[in-house]
Amino acid sequence: MTKRLSKIENAESLIRHCFSLIDEKDYSHAKVDIDKAYDIYKSENSIEGISICMSLIAFLNYSVDNNSYEASMSLLNDATYMAKRSSSDTAWLVNELILGNINFAEQNKDVALIHYNNALKLAVEEDKYSLSDTINTRIRQLQNGMDYSLPTKSDPLVSLVKISRSITALTDIDELLQVIAEETKNAIQADRCTVFLWDKDTDELWSKVALGLDSSQEIRFPADKGLAGYVVKTGESLNIADAYSDPRFNPEVDSKTGYRTKTILCMPIMNNNREIIGAFQVINKIDGVFTKNDEDLLVAIGGSASVALENAQLFDKQLQMYHEQKLMFESFIDTLAMSIDARDKITAGHSTRVRMYSTLLAQEIGMDPKDISLLEKAAILHDIGKIGIRDSVLQKDGKLTPEEYKHIQEHVRITHDILSRIYMSADFRIITEMACSHHEKYDGTGYYRHLKGEEITLGGRILAVADVFDAITSKRHYRDKMPIGNVIDILIKGAGSHFDKSLVDTFLAIPVNKIVRVFLSESHGKIEPEDEKILSQYDLLAIHGFATSENLSENNKKILDMFNKYYTGQTEIKEENNK
């Protein structure tokens, strides 16, 4: 009994492989498999198996020679009789499928549909060979007026659906070209497919997709060259059964690559206005030559593809325009910031450093990259209102009088007035809010709107920390840099009143090698690799501990001296002396 089961299982495996070979139209090898299975079933007197094999032998005989129609149908009738005797749903299913296939091929489409529907009903009960997808594909092909020669493994209708979905799913032009070319190749059962687009500005055809070659390499050539150029310029389609006998074919590419082009289907891609926007070039039909049905299918694919391609090209142009506008906006921002630097050389670079400190702090708290980008713009623009402050106050060497201090406070209101007059999208309006909030205090005693706590936007609270830190660590008209211990004291004492305490805590936890890089940014100096490695292990809070300690260890003193070397600019002096 066990030996018999093993033989039957072997026969069933052969039949499964036979169906796979039939999908690939490898009829000769399929015949070898089915003959082996037939011998097994005869030796085991399996009526079900004999019926299945007879149905498949009839189909293979017909597929190899259409003139054997009558003999194949006679064999199928015998298989039908055997299926009745076996009472096997599987034998009936295979028999009905084969009857459907032969009638479909003979253009007896109504009869074919009856047999396919019978097979589909049987597959609900028993589908040992997973034939449901094949049956459904054949039914769809029949209902849509397609040809029997189309494959079942790669359903052209499914390919059309995939390409149609790409209209809304894909915006990247290169990815879209890849999808269209791949699905076109599968649907038409060709060896290669290239989708060319017509660049009318340069009068060139180009593509980044040439399946079977290096798909990442861009192909670009004059639009009046090659077969693709011919169909683009003339609007004609080409179906070439023998490439080397056609004078329009250039065999040089084959000679360079070693590839052998046999059959070619080349067709223009037209948009809804019947304007040519590119071309399909499909090469080497896997089984025979390209048919009229292939041409019709390529037209259908082209209808969907043209919409997708034009949408992607439009998106690409809009993206390019957006980048250009972004660059223009950023250069405008930089120009505004430079106008402040030009008025007061001693504070030049302040806005840039505030941007860098703000970015470090924002990254530490995990701010979204998009929000960081907006914060950076606000940092560059936060002092733009100083353009409206008198030079006598802005550039004063000594301490400001109460009246002068009140006047300089106006710069945040002026910042708001200037930025609010610049047209910005809704996303960008937060830049104005952040920029004019950098002098607000967490306890509500700041200016100019006296906002309190989280009434101040997060970006504004970040700028407040960065602005004060840079102001007291930078040289001014009337004083040198403040000692680092005093600087950090100011931040610690202001936490919870002037500043958001959580932001101060985070800022003081930033590794000091990153802070040192900001110190060096203006002079374009570099931190020594060994110093960077050491300083990366300490934060500002640790430096504060070293700076305020009365009993500093030798090692900690070296760390503090190393930090101060960069903070006070001693490295810059050393570099100048070495020149």
Protein backbone atom coordinates (compact mmCIF):
# COMPACT_ATOMS: atom_id res chain seq x y z
CA MET A 1 0.00 0.00 0.00
CA THR A 2 2.79 2.40 0.95
CA LYS A 3 4.62 1.66 -2.30
CA ARG A 4 1.45 2.37 -4.31
CA LEU A 5 0.96 5.71 -2.54
CA SER A 6 4.55 6.64 -3.31
CA LYS A 7 4.00 5.91 -7.01
CA ILE A 8 0.77 7.92 -7.11
CA GLU A 9 2.46 10.86 -5.36
CA ASN A 10 5.25 10.71 -7.93
CA ALA A 11 2.72 10.78 -10.75
CA GLU A 12 0.90 13.75 -9.20
CA SER A 13 4.23 15.58 -8.91
CA LEU A 14 4.86 14.95 -12.60
CA ILE A 15 1.44 16.37 -13.48
CA ARG A 16 2.08 19.50 -11.42
CA HIS A 17 5.36 20.00 -13.26
CA CYS A 18 3.55 19.37 -16.54
CA PHE A 19 1.11 22.21 -15.83
CA SER A 20 4.05 24.49 -15.05
CA LEU A 21 5.73 23.59 -18.34
CA ILE A 22 2.46 24.20 -20.20
CA ASP A 23 2.32 27.72 -18.74
CA GLU A 24 5.81 28.25 -20.17
CA LYS A 25 4.70 26.66 -23.48
CA ASP A 26 7.42 24.04 -23.15
CA TYR A 27 5.26 21.33 -24.68
CA SER A 28 7.99 18.81 -25.52
CA HIS A 29 9.19 18.48 -21.92
CA ALA A 30 5.60 18.52 -20.67
CA LYS A 31 4.89 15.52 -22.95
CA VAL A 32 7.80 13.62 -21.36
CA ASP A 33 6.36 14.21 -17.87
CA ILE A 34 2.80 13.28 -18.78
CA ASP A 35 3.90 10.06 -20.52
CA LYS A 36 5.73 9.01 -17.33
CA ALA A 37 2.68 9.81 -15.21
CA TYR A 38 0.42 7.91 -17.65
CA ASP A 39 2.59 4.78 -17.35
CA ILE A 40 2.41 4.95 -13.55
CA TYR A 41 -1.37 5.36 -13.50
CA LYS A 42 -1.84 2.45 -15.96
CA SER A 43 0.35 0.20 -13.82
CA GLU A 44 -1.73 1.14 -10.77
CA ASN A 45 -5.03 0.91 -12.69
CA SER A 46 -5.95 4.47 -11.55
CA ILE A 47 -8.95 5.52 -13.65
CA GLU A 48 -8.75 9.08 -12.27
CA GLY A 49 -5.07 9.39 -13.21
CA ILE A 50 -5.57 7.86 -16.65
CA SER A 51 -8.37 10.34 -17.37
CA ILE A 52 -6.22 13.32 -16.32
CA CYS A 53 -3.29 12.14 -18.44
CA MET A 54 -5.50 11.52 -21.50
CA SER A 55 -6.91 15.06 -21.22
CA LEU A 56 -3.42 16.54 -21.01
CA ILE A 57 -2.06 14.37 -23.86
CA ALA A 58 -4.94 15.55 -26.05
CA PHE A 59 -4.13 19.17 -25.19
CA LEU A 60 -0.40 18.77 -25.85
CA ASN A 61 -1.03 17.05 -29.20
CA TYR A 62 -3.31 19.92 -30.23
CA SER A 63 -0.86 22.60 -28.99
CA VAL A 64 1.97 21.12 -31.04
CA ASP A 65 -0.17 20.58 -34.14
CA ASN A 66 -3.46 22.45 -34.62
CA ASN A 67 -4.34 20.10 -37.45
CA SER A 68 -4.74 17.33 -34.89
CA TYR A 69 -7.96 18.95 -33.63
CA GLU A 70 -10.26 16.01 -34.47
CA ALA A 71 -7.88 13.40 -33.06
CA SER A 72 -7.37 15.50 -29.91
CA MET A 73 -11.12 15.93 -29.41
CA SER A 74 -11.64 12.17 -29.85
CA LEU A 75 -9.05 11.52 -27.13
CA LEU A 76 -10.74 14.13 -24.93
CA ASN A 77 -14.06 12.33 -25.32
CA ASP A 78 -12.38 9.14 -24.08
CA ALA A 79 -10.97 11.14 -21.14
CA THR A 80 -14.45 12.45 -20.39
CA TYR A 81 -15.80 8.88 -20.29
CA MET A 82 -12.98 7.85 -17.91
CA ALA A 83 -13.66 10.90 -15.68
CA LYS A 84 -17.32 9.82 -15.39
CA ARG A 85 -16.25 6.30 -14.39
CA SER A 86 -13.79 7.62 -11.79
CA SER A 87 -16.31 10.00 -10.15
CA SER A 88 -13.27 12.21 -9.51
CA ASP A 89 -13.79 15.99 -9.32
CA THR A 90 -10.12 16.50 -10.19
CA ALA A 91 -10.40 14.40 -13.38
CA TRP A 92 -13.57 16.33 -14.34
CA LEU A 93 -11.86 19.68 -13.58
CA VAL A 94 -8.84 18.94 -15.81
CA ASN A 95 -11.10 17.64 -18.58
CA GLU A 96 -13.31 20.75 -18.49
CA LEU A 97 -10.25 23.05 -18.45
CA ILE A 98 -8.72 21.36 -21.49
CA LEU A 99 -12.06 21.46 -23.35
CA GLY A 100 -12.19 25.18 -22.55
CA ASN A 101 -8.64 25.76 -23.80
CA ILE A 102 -9.10 23.98 -27.12
CA ASN A 103 -12.46 25.66 -27.81
CA PHE A 104 -10.93 29.07 -26.88
CA ALA A 105 -8.06 28.43 -29.31
CA GLU A 106 -10.58 27.43 -31.98
CA GLN A 107 -12.52 30.69 -31.38
CA ASN A 108 -15.53 28.76 -30.03
CA LYS A 109 -15.66 31.27 -27.21
CA ASP A 110 -19.20 30.64 -25.94
CA VAL A 111 -18.49 26.92 -25.66
CA ALA A 112 -15.12 27.62 -24.04
CA LEU A 113 -16.77 29.84 -21.41
CA ILE A 114 -19.23 27.06 -20.50
CA HIS A 115 -16.37 24.60 -19.94
CA TYR A 116 -14.31 27.14 -17.93
CA ASN A 117 -17.28 27.89 -15.67
CA ASN A 118 -17.85 24.15 -15.17
CA ALA A 119 -14.17 23.78 -14.22
CA LEU A 120 -14.38 26.74 -11.83
CA LYS A 121 -17.34 25.18 -9.99
CA LEU A 122 -15.43 21.91 -9.63
CA ALA A 123 -12.35 23.77 -8.32
CA VAL A 124 -14.40 24.96 -5.35
CA GLU A 125 -14.64 21.35 -4.15
CA GLU A 126 -11.23 20.05 -5.19
CA ASP A 127 -8.27 21.94 -6.72
CA LYS A 128 -5.38 19.55 -6.22
CA TYR A 129 -3.28 21.18 -8.96
CA SER A 130 -4.08 24.85 -8.08
CA LEU A 131 -5.82 25.56 -11.37
CA SER A 132 -8.29 28.24 -10.14
CA ASP A 133 -6.04 31.18 -11.09
CA THR A 134 -5.50 29.79 -14.59
CA ILE A 135 -9.25 29.26 -15.08
CA ASN A 136 -10.10 32.78 -13.82
CA THR A 137 -7.46 34.30 -16.11
CA ARG A 138 -8.86 32.49 -19.14
CA ILE A 139 -12.40 33.63 -18.29
CA ARG A 140 -11.24 37.28 -18.01
CA GLN A 141 -9.38 37.02 -21.30
CA LEU A 142 -12.48 35.64 -22.99
CA GLN A 143 -14.74 38.33 -21.52
CA ASN A 144 -12.37 41.10 -22.61
CA GLY A 145 -12.01 39.88 -26.18
CA MET A 146 -8.38 38.87 -25.83
CA ASP A 147 -6.49 36.19 -27.70
CA TYR A 148 -5.89 32.65 -26.45
CA SER A 149 -2.14 33.03 -27.18
CA LEU A 150 -1.77 35.33 -24.16
CA PRO A 151 -0.11 33.78 -21.09
CA THR A 152 -1.95 32.70 -17.98
CA LYS A 153 0.96 32.87 -15.54
CA SER A 154 1.44 36.59 -16.13
CA ASP A 155 -2.05 37.91 -16.75
CA PRO A 156 -2.00 40.98 -19.04
CA LEU A 157 -5.12 42.31 -17.34
CA VAL A 158 -3.34 42.16 -13.98
CA SER A 159 -0.43 44.05 -15.53
CA LEU A 160 -2.84 46.71 -16.77
CA VAL A 161 -4.28 47.04 -13.27
CA LYS A 162 -0.79 47.38 -11.78
CA ILE A 163 0.15 50.10 -14.25
CA SER A 164 -3.13 51.92 -13.64
CA ARG A 165 -2.50 51.86 -9.90
CA SER A 166 0.90 53.43 -10.55
CA ILE A 167 -0.86 56.59 -11.74
CA THR A 168 -1.67 57.44 -8.13
CA ALA A 169 0.90 55.31 -6.30
CA LEU A 170 4.14 56.49 -7.93
CA THR A 171 5.59 59.96 -8.46
CA ASP A 172 9.26 59.07 -8.97
CA ILE A 173 9.82 59.01 -12.74
CA ASP A 174 12.60 56.39 -12.66
CA GLU A 175 10.60 54.00 -10.48
CA LEU A 176 7.55 54.49 -12.68
CA LEU A 177 9.52 53.68 -15.84
CA GLN A 178 10.74 50.50 -14.14
CA VAL A 179 7.22 49.37 -13.23
CA ILE A 180 5.80 50.06 -16.68
CA ALA A 181 8.68 48.32 -18.47
CA GLU A 182 8.59 45.28 -16.18
CA GLU A 183 4.84 44.82 -16.41
CA THR A 184 4.85 45.37 -20.17
CA LYS A 185 7.55 42.74 -20.59
CA ASN A 186 5.58 40.26 -18.48
CA ALA A 187 2.22 40.96 -20.11
CA ILE A 188 3.51 40.60 -23.67
CA GLN A 189 5.88 37.74 -22.78
CA ALA A 190 8.96 39.39 -24.23
CA ASP A 191 12.60 39.16 -23.24
CA ARG A 192 13.24 42.89 -22.85
CA CYS A 193 11.37 46.16 -22.75
CA THR A 194 12.51 49.77 -22.72
CA VAL A 195 10.25 52.78 -22.19
CA PHE A 196 11.65 55.94 -23.79
CA LEU A 197 10.47 59.47 -23.02
CA TRP A 198 10.74 62.30 -25.51
CA ASP A 199 12.51 65.37 -24.14
CA LYS A 200 11.17 67.96 -26.55
CA ASP A 201 13.41 70.73 -25.17
CA THR A 202 16.54 68.88 -26.32
CA ASP A 203 14.77 66.74 -28.96
CA GLU A 204 16.17 63.59 -27.37
CA LEU A 205 14.80 60.24 -26.31
CA TRP A 206 15.93 59.05 -22.91
CA SER A 207 15.35 56.22 -20.47
CA LYS A 208 16.85 54.81 -17.32
CA VAL A 209 15.23 51.44 -17.86
CA ALA A 210 16.56 48.82 -20.24
CA LEU A 211 15.62 45.46 -18.72
CA GLY A 212 18.32 42.91 -19.26
CA LEU A 213 20.95 45.67 -19.28
CA ASP A 214 22.15 48.04 -16.52
CA SER A 215 18.84 49.64 -15.52
CA SER A 216 20.58 52.42 -13.62
CA GLN A 217 22.39 53.70 -16.71
CA GLU A 218 20.64 56.52 -18.53
CA ILE A 219 20.13 56.02 -22.26
CA ARG A 220 19.91 59.27 -24.23
CA PHE A 221 20.11 59.85 -27.98
CA PRO A 222 18.71 62.19 -30.69
CA ALA A 223 14.98 61.70 -31.22
CA ASP A 224 15.41 61.01 -34.94
CA LYS A 225 17.70 57.99 -34.39
CA GLY A 226 16.88 54.31 -34.02
CA LEU A 227 13.55 52.53 -34.23
CA ALA A 228 12.19 54.39 -31.20
CA GLY A 229 13.11 57.65 -32.89
CA TYR A 230 11.36 56.54 -36.06
CA VAL A 231 8.03 55.81 -34.32
CA VAL A 232 8.22 59.02 -32.29
CA LYS A 233 8.79 61.15 -35.38
CA THR A 234 6.33 59.34 -37.67
CA GLY A 235 3.70 58.12 -35.22
CA GLU A 236 3.82 54.70 -36.88
CA SER A 237 4.08 51.39 -35.03
CA LEU A 238 6.66 48.77 -36.03
CA ASN A 239 6.18 45.02 -35.69
CA ILE A 240 9.34 43.43 -37.03
CA ALA A 241 9.38 39.65 -37.30
CA ASP A 242 13.07 39.45 -38.30
CA ALA A 243 15.22 42.32 -37.06
CA TYR A 244 18.28 41.53 -39.21
CA SER A 245 16.26 41.58 -42.43
CA ASP A 246 14.85 45.05 -41.68
CA PRO A 247 17.08 47.92 -42.96
CA ARG A 248 15.88 50.22 -40.15
CA PHE A 249 17.44 47.99 -37.49
CA ASN A 250 20.96 48.87 -36.32
CA PRO A 251 22.84 45.66 -35.39
CA GLU A 252 25.79 47.54 -33.82
CA VAL A 253 24.29 47.33 -30.31
CA ASP A 254 24.02 43.54 -30.61
CA SER A 255 27.62 43.29 -31.79
CA LYS A 256 28.80 45.25 -28.74
CA THR A 257 26.73 43.38 -26.16
CA GLY A 258 26.61 39.88 -27.67
CA TYR A 259 22.81 39.96 -27.51
CA ARG A 260 20.79 38.66 -30.47
CA THR A 261 17.71 40.68 -31.39
CA LYS A 262 15.12 38.65 -33.29
CA THR A 263 11.69 40.26 -33.06
CA ILE A 264 10.82 43.87 -32.25
CA LEU A 265 7.58 45.63 -31.37
CA CYS A 266 8.02 49.40 -31.25
CA MET A 267 5.11 51.75 -30.66
CA PRO A 268 4.63 55.45 -29.82
CA ILE A 269 3.18 56.41 -26.42
CA MET A 270 0.44 59.01 -26.79
CA ASN A 271 -1.29 61.15 -24.18
CA ASN A 272 -5.01 61.91 -24.05
CA ASN A 273 -4.52 64.73 -26.58
CA ARG A 274 -3.00 62.22 -29.03
CA GLU A 275 0.39 63.89 -28.62
CA ILE A 276 3.41 61.60 -28.73
CA ILE A 277 5.38 61.68 -25.47
CA GLY A 278 7.63 58.65 -25.90
CA ALA A 279 7.91 55.11 -27.20
CA PHE A 280 7.81 51.45 -26.17
CA GLN A 281 10.50 49.16 -27.53
CA VAL A 282 9.76 45.50 -26.77
CA ILE A 283 12.29 42.92 -27.94
CA ASN A 284 12.19 39.17 -28.60
CA LYS A 285 8.80 37.57 -28.10
CA ILE A 286 9.44 34.49 -25.96
CA ASP A 287 7.32 32.21 -28.15
CA GLY A 288 7.27 33.16 -31.82
CA VAL A 289 6.54 36.66 -33.12
CA PHE A 290 4.52 39.59 -31.82
CA THR A 291 0.85 39.30 -32.71
CA LYS A 292 -1.91 41.81 -33.42
CA ASN A 293 -3.15 41.01 -29.94
CA ASP A 294 0.24 42.11 -28.53
CA GLU A 295 -0.09 45.38 -30.41
CA ASP A 296 -3.59 45.95 -28.99
CA LEU A 297 -2.36 45.15 -25.49
CA LEU A 298 0.55 47.60 -25.86
CA VAL A 299 -1.88 50.31 -26.94
CA ALA A 300 -3.95 49.64 -23.81
CA ILE A 301 -0.86 49.77 -21.60
CA GLY A 302 0.23 52.97 -23.33
CA GLY A 303 -3.08 54.63 -22.45
CA SER A 304 -2.52 54.08 -18.75
CA ALA A 305 1.23 54.63 -18.92
CA SER A 306 0.96 58.01 -20.63
CA VAL A 307 -1.18 59.43 -17.82
CA ALA A 308 1.20 58.08 -15.19
CA LEU A 309 4.28 59.38 -17.01
CA GLU A 310 2.88 62.87 -17.59
CA ASN A 311 1.81 63.10 -13.93
CA ALA A 312 5.27 62.01 -12.79
CA GLN A 313 6.98 64.50 -15.10
CA LEU A 314 4.72 67.28 -13.82
CA PHE A 315 5.48 66.28 -10.23
CA ASP A 316 9.19 66.25 -11.05
CA LYS A 317 8.98 69.79 -12.47
CA GLN A 318 7.01 70.98 -9.45
CA LEU A 319 9.60 69.41 -7.15
CA GLN A 320 12.38 71.14 -9.06
CA MET A 321 10.51 74.44 -8.83
CA TYR A 322 10.02 73.90 -5.10
CA HIS A 323 13.75 73.33 -4.62
CA GLU A 324 14.54 76.47 -6.61
CA GLN A 325 12.07 78.49 -4.53
CA LYS A 326 13.53 77.00 -1.36
CA LEU A 327 17.05 78.00 -2.42
CA MET A 328 15.84 81.48 -3.29
CA PHE A 329 14.08 81.80 0.09
CA GLU A 330 17.15 80.58 1.96
CA SER A 331 19.45 82.95 0.07
CA PHE A 332 17.00 85.77 0.88
CA ILE A 333 17.18 84.80 4.56
CA ASP A 334 20.99 84.76 4.46
CA THR A 335 21.02 88.17 2.78
CA LEU A 336 18.77 89.62 5.50
CA ALA A 337 21.05 88.19 8.20
CA MET A 338 24.12 89.61 6.47
CA SER A 339 22.53 93.06 6.51
CA ILE A 340 22.72 92.98 10.32
CA ASP A 341 26.32 91.72 10.28
CA ALA A 342 27.23 94.58 7.96
CA ARG A 343 25.91 97.14 10.49
CA ASP A 344 27.74 95.70 13.50
CA LYS A 345 30.96 93.81 12.78
CA ILE A 346 31.51 92.91 16.44
CA THR A 347 28.33 90.79 16.55
CA ALA A 348 28.81 89.33 13.06
CA GLY A 349 28.23 85.58 13.09
CA HIS A 350 25.90 85.72 16.13
CA SER A 351 22.84 84.52 14.18
CA THR A 352 24.80 81.68 12.60
CA ARG A 353 26.07 80.47 15.97
CA VAL A 354 22.58 80.75 17.49
CA ARG A 355 21.37 78.54 14.63
CA MET A 356 24.07 75.97 15.40
CA TYR A 357 23.39 75.92 19.15
CA SER A 358 19.64 75.72 18.50
CA THR A 359 20.15 72.79 16.13
CA LEU A 360 22.26 70.92 18.69
CA LEU A 361 19.58 71.41 21.35
CA ALA A 362 16.73 70.49 19.00
CA GLN A 363 18.50 67.29 17.95
CA GLU A 364 19.10 66.33 21.59
CA ILE A 365 15.37 66.56 22.39
CA GLY A 366 14.48 64.56 19.26
CA MET A 367 12.78 67.32 17.28
CA ASP A 368 11.47 66.34 13.86
CA PRO A 369 13.96 67.21 11.05
CA LYS A 370 11.31 69.32 9.28
CA ASP A 371 10.76 71.38 12.45
CA ILE A 372 14.52 71.71 12.93
CA SER A 373 14.75 73.18 9.42
CA LEU A 374 12.15 75.82 10.34
CA LEU A 375 13.92 76.52 13.65
CA GLU A 376 17.21 77.09 11.81
CA LYS A 377 15.56 79.71 9.59
CA ALA A 378 14.06 81.40 12.64
CA ALA A 379 17.50 81.45 14.29
CA ILE A 380 19.08 83.16 11.29
CA LEU A 381 16.30 85.77 11.26
CA HIS A 382 15.77 86.28 15.00
CA ASP A 383 17.66 89.59 15.12
CA ILE A 384 16.55 91.00 11.76
CA GLY A 385 14.58 93.66 13.63
CA LYS A 386 17.87 95.28 14.68
CA ILE A 387 17.86 96.81 11.22
CA GLY A 388 15.47 99.37 12.75
CA ILE A 389 17.69 100.18 15.78
CA ARG A 390 19.83 103.33 15.79
CA ASP A 391 23.56 102.82 15.19
CA SER A 392 24.38 104.87 18.32
CA VAL A 393 22.56 102.26 20.41
CA LEU A 394 23.40 99.14 18.40
CA GLN A 395 27.14 99.87 18.36
CA LYS A 396 27.50 101.52 21.79
CA ASP A 397 30.67 100.46 23.65
CA GLY A 398 29.33 100.82 27.18
CA LYS A 399 26.27 99.93 29.17
CA LEU A 400 22.93 101.05 27.71
CA THR A 401 20.81 103.68 29.46
CA PRO A 402 17.23 102.68 30.39
CA GLU A 403 15.96 104.65 27.38
CA GLU A 404 18.46 102.98 25.05
CA TYR A 405 17.65 99.55 26.48
CA LYS A 406 13.95 100.19 25.87
CA HIS A 407 14.77 101.22 22.31
CA ILE A 408 16.81 98.08 21.56
CA GLN A 409 13.99 95.92 22.94
CA GLU A 410 11.93 97.13 20.00
CA HIS A 411 13.95 94.89 17.69
CA VAL A 412 11.76 91.86 18.42
CA ARG A 413 8.61 93.77 17.52
CA ILE A 414 10.31 94.99 14.33
CA THR A 415 11.38 91.39 13.61
CA HIS A 416 7.73 90.36 13.80
CA ASP A 417 6.62 93.25 11.58
CA ILE A 418 9.24 92.47 8.92
CA LEU A 419 8.67 88.71 8.80
CA SER A 420 4.88 88.97 8.90
CA ARG A 421 5.05 90.95 5.66
CA ILE A 422 6.91 88.17 3.85
CA TYR A 423 4.55 85.73 2.15
CA MET A 424 5.02 82.30 3.70
CA SER A 425 3.08 79.05 3.53
CA ALA A 426 1.16 77.93 6.62
CA ASP A 427 4.05 75.64 7.60
CA PHE A 428 6.53 78.49 7.42
CA ARG A 429 4.55 80.99 9.50
CA ILE A 430 5.93 79.38 12.66
CA ILE A 431 9.29 80.93 11.68
CA THR A 432 7.93 84.39 12.51
CA GLU A 433 6.49 83.16 15.82
CA MET A 434 9.76 81.54 16.88
CA ALA A 435 11.97 84.41 15.76
CA CYS A 436 10.10 87.12 17.68
CA SER A 437 9.85 85.00 20.86
CA HIS A 438 13.54 84.65 21.69
CA HIS A 439 13.39 87.37 24.41
CA GLU A 440 10.27 85.99 26.07
CA LYS A 441 10.93 84.48 29.51
CA TYR A 442 9.47 81.31 30.95
CA ASP A 443 7.99 83.22 33.93
CA GLY A 444 6.30 85.80 31.68
CA THR A 445 8.61 88.75 32.45
CA GLY A 446 10.22 88.86 28.98
CA TYR A 447 9.32 90.98 25.97
CA TYR A 448 7.63 92.03 23.85
CA ARG A 449 4.37 90.09 24.44
CA HIS A 450 5.10 88.82 27.97
CA LEU A 451 4.27 85.23 27.05
CA LYS A 452 4.63 82.60 29.77
CA GLY A 453 5.61 78.91 29.92
CA GLU A 454 4.36 76.88 26.97
CA GLU A 455 2.57 79.93 25.57
CA ILE A 456 6.02 80.49 24.11
CA THR A 457 6.51 78.20 21.14
CA LEU A 458 9.09 75.43 21.64
CA GLY A 459 11.32 76.99 18.99
CA GLY A 460 11.18 80.32 20.82
CA ARG A 461 12.21 78.65 24.09
CA ILE A 462 15.13 76.93 22.34
CA LEU A 463 16.24 80.21 20.76
CA ALA A 464 16.16 81.90 24.19
CA VAL A 465 18.77 79.45 25.54
CA ALA A 466 20.92 79.57 22.39
CA ASP A 467 20.75 83.38 22.12
CA VAL A 468 21.82 84.06 25.72
CA PHE A 469 24.55 81.41 25.63
CA ASP A 470 26.10 82.88 22.50
CA ALA A 471 25.73 86.47 23.72
CA ILE A 472 27.67 85.86 26.95
CA THR A 473 30.27 83.57 25.34
CA SER A 474 31.07 86.13 22.62
CA LYS A 475 33.26 89.22 22.70
CA ARG A 476 31.36 92.53 22.73
CA HIS A 477 32.30 96.24 22.36
CA TYR A 478 32.46 96.72 26.09
CA ARG A 479 33.68 93.32 27.42
CA ASP A 480 35.52 90.09 26.66
CA LYS A 481 34.00 86.63 26.81
CA MET A 482 32.58 85.78 30.21
CA PRO A 483 34.35 82.94 32.08
CA ILE A 484 32.67 79.66 31.24
CA GLY A 485 31.79 78.93 34.89
CA ASN A 486 29.87 82.23 35.08
CA VAL A 487 28.18 81.52 31.76
CA ILE A 488 26.82 78.19 32.94
CA ASP A 489 25.84 79.76 36.30
CA ILE A 490 23.58 82.16 34.41
CA LEU A 491 21.85 79.29 32.58
CA ILE A 492 21.42 77.24 35.76
CA LYS A 493 20.06 80.17 37.79
CA GLY A 494 17.73 81.19 34.95
CA ALA A 495 16.30 77.67 34.55
CA GLY A 496 12.59 77.78 35.39
CA SER A 497 12.37 81.59 35.35
CA HIS A 498 14.14 82.92 32.28
CA PHE A 499 14.44 79.57 30.51
CA ASP A 500 12.54 76.30 30.15
CA LYS A 501 14.37 74.18 32.76
CA SER A 502 14.13 70.97 30.72
CA LEU A 503 15.85 72.70 27.80
CA VAL A 504 18.63 74.06 30.02
CA ASP A 505 19.20 70.58 31.45
CA THR A 506 19.39 69.13 27.95
CA PHE A 507 21.69 71.88 26.68
CA LEU A 508 24.11 71.39 29.57
CA ALA A 509 24.20 67.64 28.77
CA ILE A 510 25.46 68.18 25.20
CA PRO A 511 29.00 66.76 24.74
CA VAL A 512 31.37 69.73 24.75
CA ASN A 513 33.24 68.67 21.61
CA LYS A 514 30.06 69.71 19.74
CA ILE A 515 30.01 73.08 21.55
CA VAL A 516 33.69 73.60 20.71
CA ARG A 517 32.93 73.10 17.01
CA VAL A 518 30.55 76.07 17.21
CA PHE A 519 33.27 78.17 18.89
CA LEU A 520 35.58 77.36 15.99
CA SER A 521 33.01 77.91 13.22
CA GLU A 522 33.75 81.60 12.74
CA SER A 523 37.51 81.12 12.40
CA HIS A 524 37.06 77.88 10.41
CA GLY A 525 39.37 76.25 12.94
CA LYS A 526 39.47 72.54 13.66
CA ILE A 527 39.49 70.63 16.90
CA GLU A 528 42.44 68.28 17.33
CA PRO A 529 41.32 64.63 16.88
CA GLU A 530 42.70 63.57 20.27
CA ASP A 531 41.08 66.58 21.98
CA GLU A 532 37.76 65.77 20.31
CA LYS A 533 37.90 62.21 21.57
CA ILE A 534 38.53 63.40 25.14
CA LEU A 535 36.03 66.30 25.15
CA SER A 536 33.28 64.08 23.73
CA GLN A 537 33.24 62.32 27.11
CA TYR A 538 32.27 65.50 29.01
CA ASP A 539 29.32 67.91 28.93
CA LEU A 540 28.88 71.58 29.91
CA LEU A 541 27.66 70.61 33.36
CA ALA A 542 30.92 68.73 33.95
CA ILE A 543 32.93 71.74 32.71
CA HIS A 544 30.95 73.92 35.15
CA GLY A 545 31.91 71.55 37.95
CA PHE A 546 35.58 71.80 37.00
CA ALA A 547 35.42 75.61 36.65
CA THR A 548 33.81 76.14 40.07
CA SER A 549 35.74 73.49 42.01
CA GLU A 550 38.17 74.61 44.72
CA ASN A 551 40.02 71.28 44.77
CA LEU A 552 40.46 70.40 41.09
CA SER A 553 42.32 67.18 40.27
CA GLU A 554 45.22 67.30 37.83
CA ASN A 555 43.28 65.36 35.21
CA ASN A 556 40.18 67.56 35.50
CA LYS A 557 42.37 70.68 35.29
CA LYS A 558 43.77 69.36 31.99
CA ILE A 559 40.23 68.88 30.69
CA LEU A 560 39.22 72.41 31.73
CA ASP A 561 42.38 73.89 30.19
CA MET A 562 41.74 71.96 26.99
CA PHE A 563 38.19 73.31 26.82
CA ASN A 564 39.29 76.89 27.60
CA LYS A 565 41.98 76.68 24.92
CA TYR A 566 39.19 76.53 22.35
CA TYR A 567 36.77 78.77 24.24
CA THR A 568 39.17 81.67 24.62
CA GLY A 569 40.58 81.35 21.13
CA GLN A 570 44.10 80.39 22.15
CA THR A 571 44.21 77.92 19.26
CA GLU A 572 43.57 80.79 16.83
CA ILE A 573 46.46 82.80 18.32
CA LYS A 574 48.72 79.76 18.07
CA GLU A 575 47.76 79.25 14.43
CA GLU A 576 48.49 82.91 13.64
CA ASN A 577 51.94 82.65 15.29
CA ASN A 578 52.75 79.54 13.29
CA LYS A 579 52.07 81.27 9.97
